[in-house]
Amino acid sequence: MDVVDAATRSRMMSGIRSANTKPEMIVRRYLHARGFRYRLHVRALPGSPDLVLPKYKVAVFVHGCFWHRHEGCRYATTPASNADRWKLKFDSNTARDARNASMLTAAGWRIIVVWECELKRDPEERLGRLVCEIVSRNGGNSLQISEYQIQTYC
């Protein structure tokens, strides 16, 4: 049984954003400040990745640990009330994530997932690793990132 009425719960749930979240904004600011250019929420791609770097053919997803069920994470809790409904919701979320990742990979895109907890724990370390993942997955194309940047982050 819910502690608030249906209208209040609906209003509360509608306030949960799917785009321009705080973790996503942290990633966007970091990459932009380091010279990376990207597209946001490209609907033509499966799953509408949070950031798309066409030059590197990389799709970046910034996932919330609760909604996308980050395994082993303390933020991936399951509410005690209405557990069956939540399990169904979480299972459908993870199945959709896997389906989208499979379609993107089949289309030749590289996928990088940044978890919300990684940005809470040690944002500089994770964001530096993100730059390395983008650059190292370049697939042999000519890099337009300086050697200093590569040495600094990788």
Protein backbone atom coordinates (compact mmCIF):
# COMPACT_ATOMS: atom_id res chain seq x y z
CA MET A 1 0.00 0.00 0.00
CA ASP A 2 1.32 3.42 -0.97
CA VAL A 3 1.72 6.16 1.63
CA VAL A 4 0.46 8.86 -0.77
CA ASP A 5 -2.62 9.01 -2.97
CA ALA A 6 -2.50 8.16 -6.69
CA ALA A 7 -2.51 11.79 -7.88
CA THR A 8 0.42 12.72 -5.63
CA ARG A 9 2.38 9.62 -6.68
CA SER A 10 1.73 10.45 -10.35
CA ARG A 11 3.00 14.01 -9.83
CA MET A 12 6.08 12.71 -8.00
CA MET A 13 6.89 10.16 -10.72
CA SER A 14 6.42 12.72 -13.50
CA GLY A 15 9.19 14.77 -11.89
CA ILE A 16 11.73 12.04 -12.59
CA ARG A 17 13.60 13.15 -15.68
CA SER A 18 15.00 10.93 -18.37
CA ALA A 19 17.15 13.58 -20.04
CA ASN A 20 19.43 16.33 -18.75
CA THR A 21 19.89 14.63 -15.39
CA LYS A 22 22.62 15.75 -13.01
CA PRO A 23 24.95 12.80 -13.82
CA GLU A 24 24.41 13.36 -17.54
CA MET A 25 25.22 17.06 -17.23
CA ILE A 26 28.45 16.22 -15.38
CA VAL A 27 29.55 13.96 -18.25
CA ARG A 28 28.53 16.49 -20.90
CA ARG A 29 30.39 19.38 -19.28
CA TYR A 30 33.53 17.29 -18.79
CA LEU A 31 33.67 16.05 -22.37
CA HIS A 32 32.83 19.42 -23.89
CA ALA A 33 35.54 21.16 -21.85
CA ARG A 34 38.05 18.68 -23.27
CA GLY A 35 37.14 19.33 -26.87
CA PHE A 36 34.76 16.46 -27.57
CA ARG A 37 31.69 17.29 -29.61
CA TYR A 38 28.59 15.17 -29.48
CA ARG A 39 24.89 14.98 -30.26
CA LEU A 40 22.27 14.58 -27.56
CA HIS A 41 19.52 11.95 -27.38
CA VAL A 42 19.62 10.91 -31.02
CA ARG A 43 16.20 9.34 -31.56
CA ALA A 44 17.29 7.70 -34.82
CA LEU A 45 19.51 5.33 -32.80
CA PRO A 46 18.10 2.51 -30.65
CA GLY A 47 17.65 3.62 -27.06
CA SER A 48 18.28 7.32 -27.82
CA PRO A 49 21.79 7.36 -26.29
CA ASP A 50 22.45 10.26 -23.93
CA LEU A 51 25.51 11.31 -25.92
CA VAL A 52 26.52 10.28 -29.42
CA LEU A 53 30.03 10.98 -30.68
CA PRO A 54 29.67 10.34 -34.43
CA LYS A 55 33.37 11.00 -35.11
CA TYR A 56 34.31 8.05 -32.89
CA LYS A 57 31.11 6.07 -33.59
CA VAL A 58 30.50 5.88 -29.83
CA ALA A 59 27.18 5.96 -27.97
CA VAL A 60 27.35 6.91 -24.28
CA PHE A 61 24.58 6.01 -21.87
CA VAL A 62 24.53 7.63 -18.43
CA HIS A 63 22.49 5.16 -16.39
CA GLY A 64 20.89 5.63 -13.00
CA CYS A 65 21.74 2.67 -10.78
CA PHE A 66 18.18 2.33 -9.44
CA TRP A 67 16.30 2.29 -12.75
CA HIS A 68 18.84 0.33 -14.80
CA ARG A 69 19.78 -2.13 -12.01
CA HIS A 70 23.51 -1.66 -11.62
CA GLU A 71 24.56 -5.06 -10.32
CA GLY A 72 26.16 -5.04 -6.89
CA CYS A 73 25.44 -1.35 -6.37
CA ARG A 74 23.96 -0.09 -3.12
CA TYR A 75 21.70 2.28 -5.03
CA ALA A 76 20.01 -0.56 -6.94
CA THR A 77 17.53 -1.30 -4.17
CA THR A 78 14.07 -2.74 -4.67
CA PRO A 79 11.17 -1.06 -2.88
CA ALA A 80 9.47 -3.34 -0.34
CA SER A 81 5.94 -2.38 -1.28
CA ASN A 82 4.54 -3.72 -4.53
CA ALA A 83 7.71 -5.75 -5.13
CA ASP A 84 6.20 -7.78 -7.99
CA ARG A 85 5.32 -4.66 -9.98
CA TRP A 86 8.80 -3.23 -9.40
CA LYS A 87 10.46 -6.49 -10.45
CA LEU A 88 8.46 -6.47 -13.68
CA LYS A 89 9.44 -2.84 -14.30
CA PHE A 90 13.13 -3.44 -13.63
CA ASP A 91 13.17 -6.61 -15.75
CA SER A 92 11.63 -4.73 -18.68
CA ASN A 93 14.17 -1.91 -18.27
CA THR A 94 17.15 -4.27 -18.33
CA ALA A 95 15.71 -6.25 -21.25
CA ARG A 96 15.21 -3.01 -23.21
CA ASP A 97 18.77 -1.89 -22.41
CA ALA A 98 20.16 -5.22 -23.64
CA ARG A 99 18.04 -5.10 -26.81
CA ASN A 100 19.15 -1.53 -27.59
CA ALA A 101 22.81 -2.39 -26.94
CA SER A 102 22.55 -5.37 -29.25
CA MET A 103 21.03 -3.28 -32.06
CA LEU A 104 23.65 -0.54 -31.65
CA THR A 105 26.51 -3.05 -31.69
CA ALA A 106 25.07 -4.73 -34.79
CA ALA A 107 24.98 -1.30 -36.48
CA GLY A 108 28.69 -0.80 -35.75
CA TRP A 109 28.40 1.54 -32.75
CA ARG A 110 30.56 1.20 -29.65
CA ILE A 111 28.68 1.49 -26.37
CA ILE A 112 29.97 3.01 -23.15
CA VAL A 113 27.86 2.99 -19.99
CA VAL A 114 28.60 5.46 -17.21
CA TRP A 115 26.86 4.57 -13.96
CA GLU A 116 25.51 7.19 -11.59
CA CYS A 117 27.39 5.73 -8.61
CA GLU A 118 30.73 5.98 -10.46
CA LEU A 119 30.19 9.73 -10.75
CA LYS A 120 29.32 9.97 -7.05
CA ARG A 121 32.28 7.90 -5.87
CA ASP A 122 35.17 9.29 -7.93
CA PRO A 123 34.01 11.48 -10.82
CA GLU A 124 37.47 12.57 -12.03
CA GLU A 125 38.74 9.01 -12.24
CA ARG A 126 35.65 7.75 -14.10
CA LEU A 127 35.51 10.68 -16.50
CA GLY A 128 39.21 10.31 -17.26
CA ARG A 129 38.59 6.64 -18.02
CA LEU A 130 35.66 7.65 -20.24
CA VAL A 131 37.98 9.81 -22.35
CA CYS A 132 40.39 6.84 -22.65
CA GLU A 133 37.54 4.54 -23.67
CA ILE A 134 36.40 6.97 -26.37
CA VAL A 135 39.91 7.52 -27.74
CA SER A 136 41.10 3.91 -27.51
CA ARG A 137 38.01 2.63 -29.27
CA ASN A 138 38.64 4.87 -32.24
CA GLY A 139 39.21 1.91 -34.53
CA GLY A 140 42.22 3.35 -36.34
CA ASN A 141 40.68 6.63 -37.52
CA SER A 142 42.93 9.66 -37.32
CA LEU A 143 42.77 11.21 -33.87
CA GLN A 144 42.04 14.87 -33.46
CA ILE A 145 42.96 14.84 -29.80
CA SER A 146 46.37 16.04 -28.69
CA GLU A 147 49.09 13.69 -27.45
CA TYR A 148 49.02 15.65 -24.17
CA GLN A 149 45.36 14.78 -23.69
CA ILE A 150 45.99 11.13 -24.42
CA GLN A 151 48.89 10.97 -21.95
CA THR A 152 46.90 12.89 -19.34
CA TYR A 153 43.84 10.63 -19.39
CA CYS A 154 45.05 7.23 -20.56
